[in-house]
Full PDB file with SEQRES, HELIX, SHEET, SSBOND, CRYST1, ORIGX, SCALE, CONECT and MASTER records, all heavy atoms in Angstrom:
SEQRES   1 A   41  TYR HIS GLY ALA ALA GLY VAL LEU LEU VAL ASN THR VAL          
SEQRES   2 A   41  ASP TYR ASP LYS GLU ASP GLU ILE LYS LYS LEU ARG PRO          
SEQRES   3 A   41  GLU ASN GLY VAL SER PRO ALA LYS VAL PRO VAL ILE GLN          
SEQRES   4 A   41  ILE LYS                                                      
SHEET    1 AA1 2 VAL A   7  VAL A  10  0                                        
SHEET    2 AA1 2 VAL A  37  ILE A  40  1                                        
CRYST1    1.000    1.000    1.000  90.00  90.00  90.00 P 1           1          
ORIGX1      1.000000  0.000000  0.000000        0.00000                         
ORIGX2      0.000000  1.000000  0.000000        0.00000                         
ORIGX3      0.000000  0.000000  1.000000        0.00000                         
SCALE1      1.000000  0.000000  0.000000        0.00000                         
SCALE2      0.000000  1.000000  0.000000        0.00000                         
SCALE3      0.000000  0.000000  1.000000        0.00000                         
ATOM      1  N   TYR A   1      11.605  53.308-146.440  1.00  0.00           N  
ATOM      2  CA  TYR A   1      11.143  54.461-147.217  1.00  0.00           C  
ATOM      3  C   TYR A   1      10.500  55.512-146.314  1.00  0.00           C  
ATOM      4  O   TYR A   1      10.649  56.726-146.540  1.00  0.00           O  
ATOM      5  CB  TYR A   1      10.151  54.003-148.280  1.00  0.00           C  
ATOM      6  CG  TYR A   1       9.489  55.123-149.033  1.00  0.00           C  
ATOM      7  CD1 TYR A   1      10.160  55.802-150.049  1.00  0.00           C  
ATOM      8  CD2 TYR A   1       8.186  55.521-148.716  1.00  0.00           C  
ATOM      9  CE1 TYR A   1       9.551  56.847-150.734  1.00  0.00           C  
ATOM     10  CE2 TYR A   1       7.575  56.560-149.393  1.00  0.00           C  
ATOM     11  CZ  TYR A   1       8.262  57.220-150.393  1.00  0.00           C  
ATOM     12  OH  TYR A   1       7.659  58.246-151.061  1.00  0.00           O  
ATOM     13  N   HIS A   2       9.811  55.059-145.273  1.00  0.00           N  
ATOM     14  CA  HIS A   2       9.135  55.988-144.366  1.00  0.00           C  
ATOM     15  C   HIS A   2      10.047  56.482-143.243  1.00  0.00           C  
ATOM     16  O   HIS A   2       9.588  57.187-142.340  1.00  0.00           O  
ATOM     17  CB  HIS A   2       7.888  55.326-143.778  1.00  0.00           C  
ATOM     18  CG  HIS A   2       6.727  55.289-144.736  1.00  0.00           C  
ATOM     19  ND1 HIS A   2       6.527  54.254-145.622  1.00  0.00           N  
ATOM     20  CD2 HIS A   2       5.731  56.192-144.959  1.00  0.00           C  
ATOM     21  CE1 HIS A   2       5.447  54.497-146.340  1.00  0.00           C  
ATOM     22  NE2 HIS A   2       4.951  55.666-145.967  1.00  0.00           N  
ATOM     23  N   GLY A   3      11.324  56.086-143.276  1.00  0.00           N  
ATOM     24  CA  GLY A   3      12.287  56.625-142.330  1.00  0.00           C  
ATOM     25  C   GLY A   3      12.585  55.738-141.143  1.00  0.00           C  
ATOM     26  O   GLY A   3      13.345  56.151-140.249  1.00  0.00           O  
ATOM     27  N   ALA A   4      12.003  54.550-141.086  1.00  0.00           N  
ATOM     28  CA  ALA A   4      12.297  53.649-139.971  1.00  0.00           C  
ATOM     29  C   ALA A   4      13.772  53.266-140.001  1.00  0.00           C  
ATOM     30  O   ALA A   4      14.364  53.054-141.059  1.00  0.00           O  
ATOM     31  CB  ALA A   4      11.433  52.395-140.062  1.00  0.00           C  
ATOM     32  N   ALA A   5      14.371  53.136-138.816  1.00  0.00           N  
ATOM     33  CA  ALA A   5      15.798  52.811-138.732  1.00  0.00           C  
ATOM     34  C   ALA A   5      16.029  51.332-138.477  1.00  0.00           C  
ATOM     35  O   ALA A   5      17.171  50.871-138.492  1.00  0.00           O  
ATOM     36  CB  ALA A   5      16.453  53.631-137.630  1.00  0.00           C  
ATOM     37  N   GLY A   6      14.948  50.581-138.236  1.00  0.00           N  
ATOM     38  CA  GLY A   6      15.062  49.147-138.017  1.00  0.00           C  
ATOM     39  C   GLY A   6      13.683  48.508-138.101  1.00  0.00           C  
ATOM     40  O   GLY A   6      12.661  49.179-137.884  1.00  0.00           O  
ATOM     41  N   VAL A   7      13.646  47.208-138.415  1.00  0.00           N  
ATOM     42  CA  VAL A   7      12.371  46.499-138.606  1.00  0.00           C  
ATOM     43  C   VAL A   7      12.363  45.224-137.770  1.00  0.00           C  
ATOM     44  O   VAL A   7      13.304  44.419-137.820  1.00  0.00           O  
ATOM     45  CB  VAL A   7      12.142  46.135-140.091  1.00  0.00           C  
ATOM     46  CG1 VAL A   7      10.814  45.398-140.266  1.00  0.00           C  
ATOM     47  CG2 VAL A   7      12.184  47.376-140.967  1.00  0.00           C  
ATOM     48  N   LEU A   8      11.281  45.037-136.993  1.00  0.00           N  
ATOM     49  CA  LEU A   8      11.038  43.818-136.240  1.00  0.00           C  
ATOM     50  C   LEU A   8       9.834  43.119-136.870  1.00  0.00           C  
ATOM     51  O   LEU A   8       8.734  43.688-136.904  1.00  0.00           O  
ATOM     52  CB  LEU A   8      10.750  44.136-134.769  1.00  0.00           C  
ATOM     53  CG  LEU A   8      11.825  44.911-134.017  1.00  0.00           C  
ATOM     54  CD1 LEU A   8      11.316  45.319-132.643  1.00  0.00           C  
ATOM     55  CD2 LEU A   8      13.111  44.095-133.900  1.00  0.00           C  
ATOM     56  N   LEU A   9      10.035  41.926-137.393  1.00  0.00           N  
ATOM     57  CA  LEU A   9       8.966  41.161-138.034  1.00  0.00           C  
ATOM     58  C   LEU A   9       8.481  40.073-137.085  1.00  0.00           C  
ATOM     59  O   LEU A   9       9.277  39.421-136.406  1.00  0.00           O  
ATOM     60  CB  LEU A   9       9.473  40.511-139.324  1.00  0.00           C  
ATOM     61  CG  LEU A   9       9.901  41.462-140.451  1.00  0.00           C  
ATOM     62  CD1 LEU A   9      10.700  40.700-141.505  1.00  0.00           C  
ATOM     63  CD2 LEU A   9       8.679  42.110-141.095  1.00  0.00           C  
ATOM     64  N   VAL A  10       7.169  39.838-137.068  1.00  0.00           N  
ATOM     65  CA  VAL A  10       6.617  38.814-136.189  1.00  0.00           C  
ATOM     66  C   VAL A  10       5.498  38.060-136.905  1.00  0.00           C  
ATOM     67  O   VAL A  10       4.723  38.649-137.660  1.00  0.00           O  
ATOM     68  CB  VAL A  10       6.094  39.438-134.868  1.00  0.00           C  
ATOM     69  CG1 VAL A  10       4.974  40.439-135.124  1.00  0.00           C  
ATOM     70  CG2 VAL A  10       5.649  38.351-133.900  1.00  0.00           C  
ATOM     71  N   ASN A  11       5.436  36.745-136.682  1.00  0.00           N  
ATOM     72  CA  ASN A  11       4.398  35.914-137.291  1.00  0.00           C  
ATOM     73  C   ASN A  11       3.045  36.165-136.640  1.00  0.00           C  
ATOM     74  O   ASN A  11       2.943  36.253-135.411  1.00  0.00           O  
ATOM     75  CB  ASN A  11       4.715  34.423-137.115  1.00  0.00           C  
ATOM     76  CG  ASN A  11       5.930  33.985-137.897  1.00  0.00           C  
ATOM     77  OD1 ASN A  11       6.175  34.448-139.005  1.00  0.00           O  
ATOM     78  ND2 ASN A  11       6.709  33.077-137.317  1.00  0.00           N  
ATOM     79  N   THR A  12       1.983  36.237-137.434  1.00  0.00           N  
ATOM     80  CA  THR A  12       0.637  36.156-136.888  1.00  0.00           C  
ATOM     81  C   THR A  12       0.333  34.688-136.595  1.00  0.00           C  
ATOM     82  O   THR A  12       1.009  33.783-137.098  1.00  0.00           O  
ATOM     83  CB  THR A  12      -0.395  36.708-137.882  1.00  0.00           C  
ATOM     84  OG1 THR A  12      -0.359  35.919-139.085  1.00  0.00           O  
ATOM     85  CG2 THR A  12      -0.119  38.167-138.217  1.00  0.00           C  
ATOM     86  N   VAL A  13      -0.718  34.456-135.821  1.00  0.00           N  
ATOM     87  CA  VAL A  13      -1.096  33.081-135.498  1.00  0.00           C  
ATOM     88  C   VAL A  13      -1.586  32.361-136.741  1.00  0.00           C  
ATOM     89  O   VAL A  13      -1.256  31.192-136.980  1.00  0.00           O  
ATOM     90  CB  VAL A  13      -2.171  33.063-134.392  1.00  0.00           C  
ATOM     91  CG1 VAL A  13      -2.617  31.623-134.104  1.00  0.00           C  
ATOM     92  CG2 VAL A  13      -1.644  33.720-133.127  1.00  0.00           C  
ATOM     93  N   ASP A  14      -2.382  33.043-137.556  1.00  0.00           N  
ATOM     94  CA  ASP A  14      -2.892  32.429-138.785  1.00  0.00           C  
ATOM     95  C   ASP A  14      -1.761  32.065-139.737  1.00  0.00           C  
ATOM     96  O   ASP A  14      -1.820  31.047-140.418  1.00  0.00           O  
ATOM     97  CB  ASP A  14      -3.868  33.375-139.494  1.00  0.00           C  
ATOM     98  CG  ASP A  14      -5.247  33.340-138.878  1.00  0.00           C  
ATOM     99  OD1 ASP A  14      -5.487  32.444-138.037  1.00  0.00           O  
ATOM    100  OD2 ASP A  14      -6.078  34.209-139.215  1.00  0.00           O  
ATOM    101  N   TYR A  15      -0.747  32.896-139.784  1.00  0.00           N  
ATOM    102  CA  TYR A  15       0.359  32.655-140.712  1.00  0.00           C  
ATOM    103  C   TYR A  15       1.234  31.500-140.251  1.00  0.00           C  
ATOM    104  O   TYR A  15       1.684  30.677-141.050  1.00  0.00           O  
ATOM    105  CB  TYR A  15       1.187  33.929-140.866  1.00  0.00           C  
ATOM    106  CG  TYR A  15       2.327  33.808-141.855  1.00  0.00           C  
ATOM    107  CD1 TYR A  15       2.075  33.553-143.199  1.00  0.00           C  
ATOM    108  CD2 TYR A  15       3.644  33.962-141.432  1.00  0.00           C  
ATOM    109  CE1 TYR A  15       3.113  33.445-144.096  1.00  0.00           C  
ATOM    110  CE2 TYR A  15       4.683  33.863-142.336  1.00  0.00           C  
ATOM    111  CZ  TYR A  15       4.412  33.602-143.659  1.00  0.00           C  
ATOM    112  OH  TYR A  15       5.449  33.484-144.561  1.00  0.00           O  
ATOM    113  N   ASP A  16       1.517  31.416-138.965  1.00  0.00           N  
ATOM    114  CA  ASP A  16       2.371  30.351-138.443  1.00  0.00           C  
ATOM    115  C   ASP A  16       2.001  30.089-136.987  1.00  0.00           C  
ATOM    116  O   ASP A  16       2.489  30.757-136.071  1.00  0.00           O  
ATOM    117  CB  ASP A  16       3.849  30.729-138.559  1.00  0.00           C  
ATOM    118  CG  ASP A  16       4.784  29.597-138.169  1.00  0.00           C  
ATOM    119  OD1 ASP A  16       4.287  28.561-137.669  1.00  0.00           O  
ATOM    120  OD2 ASP A  16       5.998  29.749-138.338  1.00  0.00           O  
ATOM    121  N   LYS A  17       1.137  29.112-136.768  1.00  0.00           N  
ATOM    122  CA  LYS A  17       0.666  28.800-135.425  1.00  0.00           C  
ATOM    123  C   LYS A  17       1.816  28.407-134.507  1.00  0.00           C  
ATOM    124  O   LYS A  17       1.825  28.733-133.318  1.00  0.00           O  
ATOM    125  CB  LYS A  17      -0.357  27.670-135.496  1.00  0.00           C  
ATOM    126  CG  LYS A  17      -1.020  27.352-134.169  1.00  0.00           C  
ATOM    127  CD  LYS A  17      -2.095  26.284-134.324  1.00  0.00           C  
ATOM    128  CE  LYS A  17      -2.760  26.007-132.977  1.00  0.00           C  
ATOM    129  NZ  LYS A  17      -3.822  24.974-133.103  1.00  0.00           N  
ATOM    130  N   GLU A  18       2.816  27.687-135.071  1.00  0.00           N  
ATOM    131  CA  GLU A  18       3.959  27.230-134.268  1.00  0.00           C  
ATOM    132  C   GLU A  18       4.976  28.334-134.025  1.00  0.00           C  
ATOM    133  O   GLU A  18       5.885  28.178-133.214  1.00  0.00           O  
ATOM    134  CB  GLU A  18       4.644  26.046-134.968  1.00  0.00           C  
ATOM    135  CG  GLU A  18       3.727  24.854-135.224  1.00  0.00           C  
ATOM    136  CD  GLU A  18       3.119  24.309-133.954  1.00  0.00           C  
ATOM    137  OE1 GLU A  18       3.854  24.257-132.934  1.00  0.00           O  
ATOM    138  OE2 GLU A  18       1.926  23.954-133.963  1.00  0.00           O  
ATOM    139  N   ASP A  19       4.850  29.423-134.750  1.00  0.00           N  
ATOM    140  CA  ASP A  19       5.732  30.592-134.580  1.00  0.00           C  
ATOM    141  C   ASP A  19       7.218  30.222-134.726  1.00  0.00           C  
ATOM    142  O   ASP A  19       8.042  30.511-133.845  1.00  0.00           O  
ATOM    143  CB  ASP A  19       5.486  31.251-133.226  1.00  0.00           C  
ATOM    144  CG  ASP A  19       6.085  32.655-133.150  1.00  0.00           C  
ATOM    145  OD1 ASP A  19       6.330  33.251-134.222  1.00  0.00           O  
ATOM    146  OD2 ASP A  19       6.317  33.139-132.027  1.00  0.00           O  
ATOM    147  N   GLU A  20       7.538  29.618-135.844  1.00  0.00           N  
ATOM    148  CA  GLU A  20       8.917  29.193-136.068  1.00  0.00           C  
ATOM    149  C   GLU A  20       9.804  30.359-136.496  1.00  0.00           C  
ATOM    150  O   GLU A  20       9.372  31.254-137.217  1.00  0.00           O  
ATOM    151  CB  GLU A  20       8.966  28.101-137.142  1.00  0.00           C  
ATOM    152  CG  GLU A  20       8.309  26.793-136.713  1.00  0.00           C  
ATOM    153  CD  GLU A  20       8.463  25.716-137.763  1.00  0.00           C  
ATOM    154  OE1 GLU A  20       9.074  25.997-138.810  1.00  0.00           O  
ATOM    155  OE2 GLU A  20       7.972  24.593-137.525  1.00  0.00           O  
ATOM    156  N   ILE A  21      11.035  30.313-136.035  1.00  0.00           N  
ATOM    157  CA  ILE A  21      12.038  31.289-136.462  1.00  0.00           C  
ATOM    158  C   ILE A  21      12.516  30.899-137.857  1.00  0.00           C  
ATOM    159  O   ILE A  21      12.868  29.747-138.115  1.00  0.00           O  
ATOM    160  CB  ILE A  21      13.232  31.314-135.489  1.00  0.00           C  
ATOM    161  CG1 ILE A  21      12.819  31.941-134.159  1.00  0.00           C  
ATOM    162  CG2 ILE A  21      14.417  32.048-136.085  1.00  0.00           C  
ATOM    163  CD1 ILE A  21      12.596  33.430-134.198  1.00  0.00           C  
ATOM    164  N   LYS A  22      12.523  31.859-138.761  1.00  0.00           N  
ATOM    165  CA  LYS A  22      12.933  31.604-140.138  1.00  0.00           C  
ATOM    166  C   LYS A  22      14.430  31.278-140.183  1.00  0.00           C  
ATOM    167  O   LYS A  22      15.247  32.002-139.615  1.00  0.00           O  
ATOM    168  CB  LYS A  22      12.640  32.840-140.991  1.00  0.00           C  
ATOM    169  CG  LYS A  22      12.902  32.681-142.482  1.00  0.00           C  
ATOM    170  CD  LYS A  22      12.588  34.003-143.175  1.00  0.00           C  
ATOM    171  CE  LYS A  22      12.943  33.975-144.657  1.00  0.00           C  
ATOM    172  NZ  LYS A  22      11.962  33.209-145.432  1.00  0.00           N  
ATOM    173  N   LYS A  23      14.780  30.188-140.849  1.00  0.00           N  
ATOM    174  CA  LYS A  23      16.189  29.806-140.952  1.00  0.00           C  
ATOM    175  C   LYS A  23      16.935  30.755-141.877  1.00  0.00           C  
ATOM    176  O   LYS A  23      16.379  31.257-142.857  1.00  0.00           O  
ATOM    177  CB  LYS A  23      16.309  28.372-141.462  1.00  0.00           C  
ATOM    178  CG  LYS A  23      15.814  27.326-140.473  1.00  0.00           C  
ATOM    179  CD  LYS A  23      16.041  25.916-141.014  1.00  0.00           C  
ATOM    180  CE  LYS A  23      15.575  24.876-139.996  1.00  0.00           C  
ATOM    181  NZ  LYS A  23      15.793  23.486-140.503  1.00  0.00           N  
ATOM    182  N   LEU A  24      18.195  30.979-141.556  1.00  0.00           N  
ATOM    183  CA  LEU A  24      19.026  31.821-142.409  1.00  0.00           C  
ATOM    184  C   LEU A  24      19.326  31.101-143.715  1.00  0.00           C  
ATOM    185  O   LEU A  24      19.875  29.988-143.721  1.00  0.00           O  
ATOM    186  CB  LEU A  24      20.340  32.161-141.702  1.00  0.00           C  
ATOM    187  CG  LEU A  24      20.289  33.277-140.661  1.00  0.00           C  
ATOM    188  CD1 LEU A  24      21.637  33.405-139.978  1.00  0.00           C  
ATOM    189  CD2 LEU A  24      19.892  34.602-141.301  1.00  0.00           C  
ATOM    190  N   ARG A  25      18.970  31.705-144.806  1.00  0.00           N  
ATOM    191  CA  ARG A  25      19.283  31.188-146.134  1.00  0.00           C  
ATOM    192  C   ARG A  25      19.714  32.354-147.021  1.00  0.00           C  
ATOM    193  O   ARG A  25      19.221  33.473-146.857  1.00  0.00           O  
ATOM    194  CB  ARG A  25      18.081  30.495-146.778  1.00  0.00           C  
ATOM    195  CG  ARG A  25      17.631  29.224-146.054  1.00  0.00           C  
ATOM    196  CD  ARG A  25      16.470  28.574-146.807  1.00  0.00           C  
ATOM    197  NE  ARG A  25      15.949  27.401-146.126  1.00  0.00           N  
ATOM    198  CZ  ARG A  25      16.455  26.192-146.228  1.00  0.00           C  
ATOM    199  NH1 ARG A  25      17.499  25.986-147.001  1.00  0.00           N  
ATOM    200  NH2 ARG A  25      15.923  25.175-145.581  1.00  0.00           N  
ATOM    201  N   PRO A  26      20.611  32.125-147.953  1.00  0.00           N  
ATOM    202  CA  PRO A  26      20.999  33.205-148.869  1.00  0.00           C  
ATOM    203  C   PRO A  26      19.781  33.766-149.580  1.00  0.00           C  
ATOM    204  O   PRO A  26      18.888  33.015-149.984  1.00  0.00           O  
ATOM    205  CB  PRO A  26      21.943  32.503-149.850  1.00  0.00           C  
ATOM    206  CG  PRO A  26      22.460  31.327-149.111  1.00  0.00           C  
ATOM    207  CD  PRO A  26      21.347  30.869-148.228  1.00  0.00           C  
ATOM    208  N   GLU A  27      19.718  35.071-149.695  1.00  0.00           N  
ATOM    209  CA  GLU A  27      18.600  35.743-150.358  1.00  0.00           C  
ATOM    210  C   GLU A  27      19.137  36.458-151.580  1.00  0.00           C  
ATOM    211  O   GLU A  27      19.646  37.578-151.487  1.00  0.00           O  
ATOM    212  CB  GLU A  27      17.933  36.727-149.411  1.00  0.00           C  
ATOM    213  CG  GLU A  27      16.616  37.294-149.915  1.00  0.00           C  
ATOM    214  CD  GLU A  27      15.462  36.315-149.768  1.00  0.00           C  
ATOM    215  OE1 GLU A  27      15.284  35.770-148.681  1.00  0.00           O  
ATOM    216  OE2 GLU A  27      14.738  36.113-150.756  1.00  0.00           O  
ATOM    217  N   ASN A  28      19.054  35.792-152.711  1.00  0.00           N  
ATOM    218  CA  ASN A  28      19.501  36.402-153.960  1.00  0.00           C  
ATOM    219  C   ASN A  28      18.302  36.936-154.726  1.00  0.00           C  
ATOM    220  O   ASN A  28      17.180  36.466-154.568  1.00  0.00           O  
ATOM    221  CB  ASN A  28      20.235  35.373-154.815  1.00  0.00           C  
ATOM    222  CG  ASN A  28      21.611  35.039-154.271  1.00  0.00           C  
ATOM    223  OD1 ASN A  28      22.514  35.847-154.330  1.00  0.00           O  
ATOM    224  ND2 ASN A  28      21.776  33.839-153.724  1.00  0.00           N  
ATOM    225  N   GLY A  29      18.559  37.909-155.551  1.00  0.00           N  
ATOM    226  CA  GLY A  29      17.510  38.416-156.416  1.00  0.00           C  
ATOM    227  C   GLY A  29      16.687  39.541-155.809  1.00  0.00           C  
ATOM    228  O   GLY A  29      15.791  40.062-156.454  1.00  0.00           O  
ATOM    229  N   VAL A  30      16.945  39.907-154.549  1.00  0.00           N  
ATOM    230  CA  VAL A  30      16.269  41.049-153.938  1.00  0.00           C  
ATOM    231  C   VAL A  30      17.322  41.992-153.386  1.00  0.00           C  
ATOM    232  O   VAL A  30      18.436  41.589-153.055  1.00  0.00           O  
ATOM    233  CB  VAL A  30      15.311  40.624-152.808  1.00  0.00           C  
ATOM    234  CG1 VAL A  30      14.221  39.720-153.340  1.00  0.00           C  
ATOM    235  CG2 VAL A  30      16.062  39.946-151.668  1.00  0.00           C  
ATOM    236  N   SER A  31      16.947  43.233-153.230  1.00  0.00           N  
ATOM    237  CA  SER A  31      17.887  44.228-152.705  1.00  0.00           C  
ATOM    238  C   SER A  31      18.067  44.025-151.207  1.00  0.00           C  
ATOM    239  O   SER A  31      17.082  43.856-150.482  1.00  0.00           O  
ATOM    240  CB  SER A  31      17.356  45.637-152.958  1.00  0.00           C  
ATOM    241  OG  SER A  31      17.164  45.854-154.336  1.00  0.00           O  
ATOM    242  N   PRO A  32      19.304  44.039-150.692  1.00  0.00           N  
ATOM    243  CA  PRO A  32      19.507  43.944-149.250  1.00  0.00           C  
ATOM    244  C   PRO A  32      19.005  45.204-148.563  1.00  0.00           C  
ATOM    245  O   PRO A  32      18.974  46.285-149.151  1.00  0.00           O  
ATOM    246  CB  PRO A  32      21.026  43.801-149.124  1.00  0.00           C  
ATOM    247  CG  PRO A  32      21.575  44.416-150.367  1.00  0.00           C  
ATOM    248  CD  PRO A  32      20.572  44.138-151.439  1.00  0.00           C  
ATOM    249  N   ALA A  33      18.600  45.062-147.318  1.00  0.00           N  
ATOM    250  CA  ALA A  33      18.096  46.206-146.565  1.00  0.00           C  
ATOM    251  C   ALA A  33      19.247  47.104-146.132  1.00  0.00           C  
ATOM    252  O   ALA A  33      20.387  46.649-145.965  1.00  0.00           O  
ATOM    253  CB  ALA A  33      17.320  45.729-145.344  1.00  0.00           C  
ATOM    254  N   LYS A  34      18.955  48.369-145.920  1.00  0.00           N  
ATOM    255  CA  LYS A  34      19.947  49.315-145.420  1.00  0.00           C  
ATOM    256  C   LYS A  34      19.796  49.523-143.919  1.00  0.00           C  
ATOM    257  O   LYS A  34      20.492  50.357-143.323  1.00  0.00           O  
ATOM    258  CB  LYS A  34      19.819  50.639-146.162  1.00  0.00           C  
ATOM    259  CG  LYS A  34      20.135  50.526-147.652  1.00  0.00           C  
ATOM    260  CD  LYS A  34      20.033  51.866-148.347  1.00  0.00           C  
ATOM    261  CE  LYS A  34      20.373  51.738-149.834  1.00  0.00           C  
ATOM    262  NZ  LYS A  34      20.269  53.031-150.550  1.00  0.00           N  
ATOM    263  N   VAL A  35      18.870  48.777-143.297  1.00  0.00           N  
ATOM    264  CA  VAL A  35      18.602  48.895-141.868  1.00  0.00           C  
ATOM    265  C   VAL A  35      18.621  47.490-141.262  1.00  0.00           C  
ATOM    266  O   VAL A  35      18.469  46.492-141.973  1.00  0.00           O  
ATOM    267  CB  VAL A  35      17.237  49.561-141.607  1.00  0.00           C  
ATOM    268  CG1 VAL A  35      17.212  50.967-142.185  1.00  0.00           C  
ATOM    269  CG2 VAL A  35      16.104  48.715-142.184  1.00  0.00           C  
ATOM    270  N   PRO A  36      18.814  47.369-139.933  1.00  0.00           N  
ATOM    271  CA  PRO A  36      18.728  46.055-139.308  1.00  0.00           C  
ATOM    272  C   PRO A  36      17.300  45.503-139.382  1.00  0.00           C  
ATOM    273  O   PRO A  36      16.336  46.242-139.168  1.00  0.00           O  
ATOM    274  CB  PRO A  36      19.149  46.318-137.861  1.00  0.00           C  
ATOM    275  CG  PRO A  36      18.894  47.769-137.634  1.00  0.00           C  
ATOM    276  CD  PRO A  36      19.133  48.432-138.957  1.00  0.00           C  
ATOM    277  N   VAL A  37      17.194  44.226-139.686  1.00  0.00           N  
ATOM    278  CA  VAL A  37      15.890  43.571-139.806  1.00  0.00           C  
ATOM    279  C   VAL A  37      15.948  42.288-138.973  1.00  0.00           C  
ATOM    280  O   VAL A  37      16.848  41.470-139.151  1.00  0.00           O  
ATOM    281  CB  VAL A  37      15.559  43.222-141.264  1.00  0.00           C  
ATOM    282  CG1 VAL A  37      14.174  42.577-141.356  1.00  0.00           C  
ATOM    283  CG2 VAL A  37      15.635  44.459-142.152  1.00  0.00           C  
ATOM    284  N   ILE A  38      14.998  42.131-138.057  1.00  0.00           N  
ATOM    285  CA  ILE A  38      15.017  41.000-137.132  1.00  0.00           C  
ATOM    286  C   ILE A  38      13.639  40.356-137.064  1.00  0.00           C  
ATOM    287  O   ILE A  38      12.622  41.060-136.930  1.00  0.00           O  
ATOM    288  CB  ILE A  38      15.430  41.465-135.709  1.00  0.00           C  
ATOM    289  CG1 ILE A  38      16.787  42.158-135.748  1.00  0.00           C  
ATOM    290  CG2 ILE A  38      15.467  40.281-134.746  1.00  0.00           C  
ATOM    291  CD1 ILE A  38      17.200  42.773-134.405  1.00  0.00           C  
ATOM    292  N   GLN A  39      13.576  39.038-137.168  1.00  0.00           N  
ATOM    293  CA  GLN A  39      12.340  38.326-136.876  1.00  0.00           C  
ATOM    294  C   GLN A  39      12.339  37.979-135.392  1.00  0.00           C  
ATOM    295  O   GLN A  39      13.317  37.443-134.869  1.00  0.00           O  
ATOM    296  CB  GLN A  39      12.198  37.047-137.692  1.00  0.00           C  
ATOM    297  CG  GLN A  39      10.861  36.341-137.411  1.00  0.00           C  
ATOM    298  CD  GLN A  39      10.800  34.920-137.921  1.00  0.00           C  
ATOM    299  OE1 GLN A  39      11.648  34.496-138.691  1.00  0.00           O  
ATOM    300  NE2 GLN A  39       9.796  34.173-137.472  1.00  0.00           N  
ATOM    301  N   ILE A  40      11.241  38.282-134.702  1.00  0.00           N  
ATOM    302  CA  ILE A  40      11.141  37.982-133.281  1.00  0.00           C  
ATOM    303  C   ILE A  40       9.951  37.051-133.033  1.00  0.00           C  
ATOM    304  O   ILE A  40       8.991  37.022-133.797  1.00  0.00           O  
ATOM    305  CB  ILE A  40      10.993  39.262-132.431  1.00  0.00           C  
ATOM    306  CG1 ILE A  40       9.707  40.017-132.794  1.00  0.00           C  
ATOM    307  CG2 ILE A  40      12.204  40.160-132.617  1.00  0.00           C  
ATOM    308  CD1 ILE A  40       9.437  41.232-131.902  1.00  0.00           C  
ATOM    309  N   LYS A  41      10.030  36.286-131.954  1.00  0.00           N  
ATOM    310  CA  LYS A  41       8.931  35.400-131.576  1.00  0.00           C  
ATOM    311  C   LYS A  41       7.753  36.231-131.048  1.00  0.00           C  
ATOM    312  O   LYS A  41       7.932  37.370-130.569  1.00  0.00           O  
ATOM    313  CB  LYS A  41       9.395  34.421-130.496  1.00  0.00           C  
ATOM    314  CG  LYS A  41      10.541  33.523-130.924  1.00  0.00           C  
ATOM    315  CD  LYS A  41      10.059  32.332-131.744  1.00  0.00           C  
ATOM    316  CE  LYS A  41       9.478  31.260-130.860  1.00  0.00           C  
ATOM    317  NZ  LYS A  41       9.186  30.016-131.611  1.00  0.00           N  
TER     318      LYS A  41                                                      
MASTER        0    0    0    0    2    0    0    6  317    1    0    4          
END                                                                             
């Protein structure tokens, strides 16, 4: 919405101390993004 062309998501330590990469699973019921979205370590 604010014009970003891509999103990099990263875990905080409190949220995930082990910093696991989220497994790919089908995401139904939400709108797909129109930009590339990547989780990084």
